[in-house]
Amino acid sequence: MASVTLEGVRKIYEERGRPYVAVHDFDVAVADGEFLVLVGPSGCGKSTTLRMIAGLESVSAGTIRIGERVVNDVPARDRDIAMVFQNYALYPHMTVYQNLAFALRMRRVPKADIDARVRTAADLLELGALLDRRPRQLSGGQRQRVAVGRAIVRQPQVFLFDEPLSNLDAKLRVQMRRDIAALRRRLGTTTIYVTHDQVEAMTLGDRIVVMRDGHVQQVDTPLALYRRPANTFVATFLGTPPMNLVRGMRAPDGPPAFQAEQPGFRLPLGTIALPAGQRVTLGVRPEDLRLGAASGSGVSARVQEIEPLGNETLVSLDASGVPLTARIDGAATLERGATVTISVAPEALHWFDGERETRLPS
């Protein structure tokens, strides 16, 4: 196992004769044995970053280290990493055993060692009964486990996963996510995992790197990202449904309060100190909105849509022209078109600069 360090890493492509920066000054240190997840929307640079670590893309600027060794100019085959792709890329004419053993045979590993490694990986991934089958005889989840097993048998210093669950259906994704988490705990190998799925990121990662347009937005633990997002992009990217955002300013009159751009939406400021007239964006997680019977206090809202999900219900609201989503208990009863009062605890409010969209100290 080994640490992985990226310092000022950039990737620049030529696009119609002009430079295009796909990854900007990426800095992160992945500890030995850590599981780091790169997450973001399509085109954010996460897979490009992973491919530079793997040696499949050249580095335009900056330094990549695996352990203490700078690997910028080291060929992919000599970096002692193993990569699992979105596409299983199994050899169709080979059995599961032969697919697992192939890379070791190419490296001229002794046959006894190959057999021991293959069977150990097969046991870890519950593939023992499938070793004589060919890929066409396997389900999607089984094929992906073979692809993971092919990486395990190499016993690399670092595992790299590039959206390995994207081709699976929802149920298989959940199972494979659990399998990867359990496997990681048993092996303890340094792992860098790329996904666009926030649930995978939140459930698998020791830390998460959130990316957008080639820039790192925030690096932190899953709960820290959720509870204290650095900007409005992170706030809305992590969490389903996403955080409610309302643009406005400190009310110019009366007790300290937030006044939305739409008249009629006003909430107490809580402990944050804002100059009068400062433009801000208020953030509230759907689960932090409290709905009560219509009264003279709080913010009045009309129920637009109700989405029962069993243990919880999502409620779409119109609060004086401000669209909001609330997550409430599944046993609660509401009717479409009803008028309710919204309240929220001051400590559950998130405040962002209205222009830069960055988090304000509170």
Protein backbone atom coordinates (compact mmCIF):
# COMPACT_ATOMS: atom_id res chain seq x y z
CA MET A 1 0.00 0.00 0.00
CA ALA A 2 1.06 3.60 -0.48
CA SER A 3 -0.06 7.19 -0.21
CA VAL A 4 -0.94 9.21 -3.32
CA THR A 5 -0.14 12.92 -3.54
CA LEU A 6 -1.16 15.38 -6.25
CA GLU A 7 0.42 18.84 -6.17
CA GLY A 8 -0.72 21.55 -8.57
CA VAL A 9 -1.78 18.96 -11.16
CA ARG A 10 -3.19 20.34 -14.39
CA LYS A 11 -4.45 18.84 -17.61
CA ILE A 12 -4.58 21.02 -20.72
CA TYR A 13 -5.94 19.87 -24.07
CA GLU A 14 -5.81 21.58 -27.43
CA GLU A 15 -9.33 22.27 -28.67
CA ARG A 16 -9.64 23.85 -32.13
CA GLY A 17 -6.19 25.31 -31.78
CA ARG A 18 -6.86 26.78 -28.34
CA PRO A 19 -5.86 25.46 -24.93
CA TYR A 20 -8.64 23.97 -22.82
CA VAL A 21 -7.91 23.36 -19.13
CA ALA A 22 -9.73 20.20 -18.05
CA VAL A 23 -8.22 20.07 -14.55
CA HIS A 24 -7.02 23.16 -12.68
CA ASP A 25 -4.27 23.00 -10.03
CA PHE A 26 -5.51 19.85 -8.30
CA ASP A 27 -4.03 19.43 -4.81
CA VAL A 28 -4.82 16.49 -2.55
CA ALA A 29 -2.93 14.04 -0.36
CA VAL A 30 -4.45 10.56 -0.05
CA ALA A 31 -3.21 8.76 3.05
CA ASP A 32 -1.99 5.18 2.99
CA GLY A 33 -5.10 2.98 3.23
CA GLU A 34 -7.57 5.85 2.70
CA PHE A 35 -10.65 5.59 0.48
CA LEU A 36 -10.97 8.88 -1.43
CA VAL A 37 -13.93 9.59 -3.71
CA LEU A 38 -13.89 12.10 -6.59
CA VAL A 39 -17.43 13.23 -7.31
CA GLY A 40 -19.03 15.79 -9.58
CA PRO A 41 -21.17 16.19 -12.69
CA SER A 42 -20.15 14.98 -16.14
CA GLY A 43 -17.24 16.98 -17.54
CA CYS A 44 -15.94 18.14 -14.15
CA GLY A 45 -12.51 16.50 -14.63
CA LYS A 46 -12.78 13.64 -12.16
CA SER A 47 -12.09 10.80 -14.63
CA THR A 48 -9.30 12.82 -16.25
CA THR A 49 -7.68 13.20 -12.84
CA LEU A 50 -7.96 9.46 -12.21
CA ARG A 51 -6.47 8.68 -15.61
CA MET A 52 -3.50 10.95 -14.87
CA ILE A 53 -2.89 9.04 -11.63
CA ALA A 54 -3.10 5.78 -13.59
CA GLY A 55 -0.71 7.01 -16.27
CA LEU A 56 -3.31 6.82 -19.04
CA GLU A 57 -3.19 10.61 -19.49
CA SER A 58 -0.10 12.80 -19.40
CA VAL A 59 0.25 15.54 -16.78
CA SER A 60 0.44 19.06 -18.24
CA ALA A 61 1.76 20.58 -15.00
CA GLY A 62 2.26 19.60 -11.38
CA THR A 63 3.48 16.45 -9.65
CA ILE A 64 1.95 13.06 -8.88
CA ARG A 65 3.57 10.83 -6.26
CA ILE A 66 2.72 7.26 -5.36
CA GLY A 67 4.47 6.72 -2.06
CA GLU A 68 7.68 8.73 -2.29
CA ARG A 69 8.12 8.16 -6.04
CA VAL A 70 7.25 10.82 -8.60
CA VAL A 71 5.38 8.98 -11.36
CA ASN A 72 4.70 11.73 -13.91
CA ASP A 73 6.85 9.98 -16.51
CA VAL A 74 6.45 6.41 -15.26
CA PRO A 75 4.47 4.15 -17.66
CA ALA A 76 1.10 2.93 -16.40
CA ARG A 77 2.30 -0.69 -16.21
CA ASP A 78 5.09 0.29 -13.80
CA ARG A 79 3.04 2.35 -11.33
CA ASP A 80 1.89 -0.64 -9.27
CA ILE A 81 -1.77 0.34 -9.51
CA ALA A 82 -4.86 -1.61 -10.59
CA MET A 83 -7.82 0.06 -12.29
CA VAL A 84 -11.45 -1.02 -12.58
CA PHE A 85 -13.39 0.62 -15.39
CA GLN A 86 -17.08 1.27 -16.03
CA ASN A 87 -16.86 -1.27 -18.86
CA TYR A 88 -16.06 -4.73 -17.47
CA ALA A 89 -13.60 -5.35 -20.34
CA LEU A 90 -13.51 -9.12 -19.75
CA TYR A 91 -12.09 -11.50 -22.34
CA PRO A 92 -15.19 -13.28 -23.70
CA HIS A 93 -13.34 -16.45 -24.78
CA MET A 94 -11.76 -16.96 -21.34
CA THR A 95 -13.27 -18.45 -18.21
CA VAL A 96 -13.58 -16.43 -15.01
CA TYR A 97 -10.45 -18.19 -13.70
CA GLN A 98 -8.51 -17.31 -16.84
CA ASN A 99 -9.69 -13.69 -16.76
CA LEU A 100 -8.55 -13.37 -13.16
CA ALA A 101 -5.20 -14.99 -13.88
CA PHE A 102 -4.40 -13.25 -17.17
CA ALA A 103 -2.43 -10.25 -15.87
CA LEU A 104 -0.40 -12.47 -13.55
CA ARG A 105 0.47 -14.83 -16.40
CA MET A 106 1.65 -11.87 -18.48
CA ARG A 107 3.96 -10.95 -15.60
CA ARG A 108 5.25 -14.53 -15.46
CA VAL A 109 4.12 -15.07 -11.88
CA PRO A 110 4.66 -18.73 -10.84
CA LYS A 111 1.62 -20.94 -11.44
CA ALA A 112 1.23 -21.87 -7.78
CA ASP A 113 1.13 -18.19 -6.79
CA ILE A 114 -1.37 -17.43 -9.56
CA ASP A 115 -3.68 -20.19 -8.37
CA ALA A 116 -3.45 -19.04 -4.74
CA ARG A 117 -4.17 -15.40 -5.61
CA VAL A 118 -7.05 -16.25 -7.95
CA ARG A 119 -8.76 -18.49 -5.43
CA THR A 120 -8.29 -15.99 -2.61
CA ALA A 121 -9.88 -13.24 -4.72
CA ALA A 122 -12.67 -15.59 -5.80
CA ASP A 123 -13.44 -16.39 -2.16
CA LEU A 124 -13.48 -12.69 -1.23
CA LEU A 125 -15.92 -11.92 -4.04
CA GLU A 126 -18.00 -15.12 -3.84
CA LEU A 127 -16.91 -16.22 -7.30
CA GLY A 128 -15.68 -19.68 -6.34
CA ALA A 129 -18.59 -21.50 -8.01
CA LEU A 130 -18.22 -19.44 -11.21
CA LEU A 131 -14.54 -19.97 -12.05
CA ASP A 132 -15.30 -22.26 -15.01
CA ARG A 133 -17.93 -20.01 -16.57
CA ARG A 134 -17.40 -17.52 -19.37
CA PRO A 135 -18.54 -13.85 -19.17
CA ARG A 136 -21.65 -14.44 -21.31
CA GLN A 137 -22.90 -16.85 -18.64
CA LEU A 138 -22.67 -14.22 -15.87
CA SER A 139 -25.01 -11.50 -14.68
CA GLY A 140 -23.94 -7.86 -14.73
CA GLY A 141 -23.11 -7.90 -11.04
CA GLN A 142 -21.05 -11.07 -11.40
CA ARG A 143 -19.11 -9.60 -14.33
CA GLN A 144 -18.32 -6.51 -12.29
CA ARG A 145 -17.09 -8.68 -9.41
CA VAL A 146 -14.78 -10.45 -11.84
CA ALA A 147 -13.44 -7.08 -12.98
CA VAL A 148 -12.80 -6.14 -9.34
CA GLY A 149 -11.21 -9.55 -8.73
CA ARG A 150 -8.85 -9.02 -11.64
CA ALA A 151 -7.59 -5.90 -9.86
CA ILE A 152 -7.33 -7.66 -6.48
CA VAL A 153 -5.13 -10.52 -7.70
CA ARG A 154 -2.43 -8.06 -8.74
CA GLN A 155 -2.05 -6.96 -5.09
CA PRO A 156 -1.29 -3.34 -6.10
CA GLN A 157 -0.34 -0.41 -3.91
CA VAL A 158 -3.38 1.56 -5.12
CA PHE A 159 -6.84 0.69 -6.47
CA LEU A 160 -8.44 3.08 -8.96
CA PHE A 161 -12.17 2.77 -9.73
CA ASP A 162 -13.72 4.73 -12.63
CA GLU A 163 -17.52 4.69 -12.20
CA PRO A 164 -17.55 0.87 -11.84
CA LEU A 165 -21.27 0.61 -11.01
CA SER A 166 -22.71 2.81 -13.75
CA ASN A 167 -23.82 -0.11 -15.93
CA LEU A 168 -25.73 -1.89 -13.16
CA ASP A 169 -29.41 -1.58 -12.29
CA ALA A 170 -30.45 0.13 -9.05
CA LYS A 171 -30.67 -3.03 -6.93
CA LEU A 172 -27.32 -4.37 -8.11
CA ARG A 173 -25.70 -0.97 -7.50
CA VAL A 174 -26.74 -1.10 -3.86
CA GLN A 175 -25.39 -4.64 -3.43
CA MET A 176 -22.11 -3.92 -5.23
CA ARG A 177 -21.65 -0.74 -3.20
CA ARG A 178 -21.89 -2.80 -0.03
CA ASP A 179 -19.54 -5.42 -1.46
CA ILE A 180 -16.91 -2.79 -2.33
CA ALA A 181 -17.21 -1.23 1.13
CA ALA A 182 -16.76 -4.62 2.83
CA LEU A 183 -13.89 -5.54 0.52
CA ARG A 184 -12.13 -2.27 1.21
CA ARG A 185 -12.33 -2.87 4.97
CA ARG A 186 -10.78 -6.33 4.58
CA LEU A 187 -7.98 -5.32 2.22
CA GLY A 188 -7.14 -1.84 3.53
CA THR A 189 -5.63 -0.83 0.18
CA THR A 190 -5.40 2.85 -0.76
CA THR A 191 -8.35 3.50 -3.09
CA ILE A 192 -9.41 6.39 -5.31
CA TYR A 193 -12.94 6.06 -6.62
CA VAL A 194 -14.65 8.21 -9.27
CA THR A 195 -18.43 8.56 -9.44
CA HIS A 196 -21.13 11.07 -10.35
CA ASP A 197 -23.45 9.41 -7.82
CA GLN A 198 -23.57 11.31 -4.54
CA VAL A 199 -24.94 8.28 -2.66
CA GLU A 200 -21.90 6.21 -3.65
CA ALA A 201 -19.66 9.09 -2.60
CA MET A 202 -21.33 9.58 0.78
CA THR A 203 -21.46 5.89 1.69
CA LEU A 204 -18.03 4.78 0.47
CA GLY A 205 -15.57 7.61 1.01
CA ASP A 206 -13.42 8.41 4.04
CA ARG A 207 -13.13 11.78 2.33
CA ILE A 208 -14.76 13.26 -0.75
CA VAL A 209 -13.38 15.66 -3.35
CA VAL A 210 -16.23 17.62 -4.96
CA MET A 211 -15.28 18.91 -8.43
CA ARG A 212 -16.85 21.33 -10.87
CA ASP A 213 -15.52 22.51 -14.25
CA GLY A 214 -12.08 21.12 -13.45
CA HIS A 215 -11.82 22.93 -10.10
CA VAL A 216 -11.85 21.37 -6.64
CA GLN A 217 -14.78 22.86 -4.74
CA GLN A 218 -14.25 21.21 -1.35
CA VAL A 219 -12.40 18.28 0.24
CA ASP A 220 -13.74 16.86 3.49
CA THR A 221 -15.46 13.95 5.19
CA PRO A 222 -18.96 13.08 3.94
CA LEU A 223 -20.78 14.48 6.98
CA ALA A 224 -18.70 17.66 7.06
CA LEU A 225 -19.54 18.31 3.40
CA TYR A 226 -23.22 17.78 4.09
CA ARG A 227 -23.34 19.87 7.24
CA ARG A 228 -21.01 22.71 6.24
CA PRO A 229 -20.85 22.99 2.44
CA ALA A 230 -18.25 25.51 1.26
CA ASN A 231 -20.48 27.02 -1.42
CA THR A 232 -23.90 26.76 -3.00
CA PHE A 233 -22.71 24.21 -5.58
CA VAL A 234 -21.62 21.71 -2.92
CA ALA A 235 -24.78 22.50 -0.93
CA THR A 236 -27.06 21.51 -3.79
CA PHE A 237 -24.92 18.70 -5.24
CA LEU A 238 -24.88 16.63 -2.04
CA GLY A 239 -28.26 15.72 -0.65
CA THR A 240 -31.48 14.38 -2.16
CA PRO A 241 -33.59 16.42 -2.51
CA PRO A 242 -30.99 19.20 -2.73
CA MET A 243 -30.74 22.05 -0.27
CA ASN A 244 -33.32 24.81 -0.75
CA LEU A 245 -31.68 28.11 -1.74
CA VAL A 246 -33.41 31.47 -1.39
CA ARG A 247 -31.83 34.73 -2.54
CA GLY A 248 -32.39 37.92 -0.58
CA MET A 249 -30.88 40.30 1.96
CA ARG A 250 -31.10 41.49 5.54
CA ALA A 251 -34.43 43.21 6.00
CA PRO A 252 -33.97 47.00 6.15
CA ASP A 253 -36.47 47.44 9.00
CA GLY A 254 -37.80 45.68 12.10
CA PRO A 255 -36.04 42.92 14.08
CA PRO A 256 -33.00 41.26 12.39
CA ALA A 257 -34.49 39.12 9.65
CA PHE A 258 -33.82 37.70 6.21
CA GLN A 259 -36.01 39.15 3.47
CA ALA A 260 -36.29 37.17 0.22
CA GLU A 261 -36.35 38.88 -3.15
CA GLN A 262 -40.00 37.87 -3.35
CA PRO A 263 -42.17 39.92 -0.96
CA GLY A 264 -43.72 38.03 1.94
CA PHE A 265 -40.88 35.62 2.71
CA ARG A 266 -39.15 36.66 5.92
CA LEU A 267 -37.22 34.60 8.51
CA PRO A 268 -35.31 35.56 11.68
CA LEU A 269 -31.56 35.84 11.11
CA GLY A 270 -30.55 33.86 14.17
CA THR A 271 -26.98 34.40 15.35
CA ILE A 272 -25.40 35.52 12.08
CA ALA A 273 -24.44 39.19 11.81
CA LEU A 274 -25.27 40.74 8.44
CA PRO A 275 -24.99 44.42 7.48
CA ALA A 276 -28.29 45.93 6.41
CA GLY A 277 -28.83 45.49 2.69
CA GLN A 278 -26.12 42.83 2.23
CA ARG A 279 -27.19 40.37 -0.45
CA VAL A 280 -27.08 36.76 0.73
CA THR A 281 -28.40 33.34 -0.19
CA LEU A 282 -30.19 31.38 2.50
CA GLY A 283 -29.88 27.58 2.46
CA VAL A 284 -32.17 25.11 4.24
CA ARG A 285 -32.06 21.33 4.01
CA PRO A 286 -35.50 19.80 3.25
CA GLU A 287 -35.47 17.81 6.49
CA ASP A 288 -34.94 21.01 8.53
CA LEU A 289 -38.17 22.65 7.35
CA ARG A 290 -40.98 22.26 9.87
CA LEU A 291 -44.57 22.41 8.65
CA GLY A 292 -47.44 23.35 10.93
CA ALA A 293 -51.04 24.47 10.75
CA ALA A 294 -51.57 27.90 9.22
CA SER A 295 -51.12 30.63 11.85
CA GLY A 296 -50.02 34.22 12.18
CA SER A 297 -46.34 33.38 12.76
CA GLY A 298 -43.68 31.90 10.46
CA VAL A 299 -43.80 31.85 6.66
CA SER A 300 -47.04 30.90 4.99
CA ALA A 301 -46.85 28.41 2.10
CA ARG A 302 -49.20 26.47 -0.13
CA VAL A 303 -48.74 22.74 -0.72
CA GLN A 304 -48.14 22.14 -4.44
CA GLU A 305 -47.22 18.46 -4.72
CA ILE A 306 -47.00 15.50 -2.33
CA GLU A 307 -44.69 12.55 -3.00
CA PRO A 308 -45.15 9.70 -0.48
CA LEU A 309 -42.09 7.45 -0.25
CA GLY A 310 -43.19 5.17 2.58
CA ASN A 311 -41.14 6.16 5.60
CA GLU A 312 -40.99 9.79 4.45
CA THR A 313 -42.89 12.21 2.25
CA LEU A 314 -41.52 14.94 0.01
CA VAL A 315 -43.63 18.08 -0.14
CA SER A 316 -43.28 20.79 -2.79
CA LEU A 317 -44.28 24.21 -1.49
CA ASP A 318 -44.88 27.71 -2.79
CA ALA A 319 -43.96 30.25 -0.09
CA SER A 320 -44.93 33.65 -1.48
CA GLY A 321 -43.38 32.77 -4.83
CA VAL A 322 -40.37 30.95 -3.34
CA PRO A 323 -40.29 27.23 -4.33
CA LEU A 324 -39.26 24.94 -1.46
CA THR A 325 -39.06 21.22 -0.83
CA ALA A 326 -39.66 19.73 2.62
CA ARG A 327 -39.00 16.19 3.82
CA ILE A 328 -41.49 15.14 6.49
CA ASP A 329 -42.51 11.98 8.28
CA GLY A 330 -44.30 9.48 6.08
CA ALA A 331 -47.15 9.16 8.58
CA ALA A 332 -48.01 12.87 8.36
CA THR A 333 -51.12 13.79 6.40
CA LEU A 334 -51.32 16.77 4.07
CA GLU A 335 -53.58 17.75 1.21
CA ARG A 336 -52.59 19.36 -2.05
CA GLY A 337 -53.58 23.02 -2.01
CA ALA A 338 -53.50 23.29 1.79
CA THR A 339 -51.91 26.30 3.46
CA VAL A 340 -49.22 25.58 6.06
CA THR A 341 -46.76 27.58 8.12
CA ILE A 342 -43.03 26.99 7.65
CA SER A 343 -40.56 27.34 10.49
CA VAL A 344 -36.90 26.42 10.81
CA ALA A 345 -34.46 26.45 13.73
CA PRO A 346 -31.87 29.26 13.34
CA GLU A 347 -28.98 26.81 13.81
CA ALA A 348 -30.19 24.83 10.79
CA LEU A 349 -29.82 27.82 8.44
CA HIS A 350 -26.90 28.02 6.00
CA TRP A 351 -25.71 31.43 4.78
CA PHE A 352 -23.83 32.13 1.56
CA ASP A 353 -22.47 35.31 0.01
CA GLY A 354 -25.00 36.53 -2.55
CA GLU A 355 -22.36 37.30 -5.20
CA ARG A 356 -19.53 34.78 -4.69
CA GLU A 357 -21.86 31.98 -3.48
CA THR A 358 -19.31 31.01 -0.80
CA ARG A 359 -20.23 30.11 2.77
CA LEU A 360 -20.39 32.95 5.28
CA PRO A 361 -18.86 32.47 8.74
CA SER A 362 -21.46 31.93 11.42
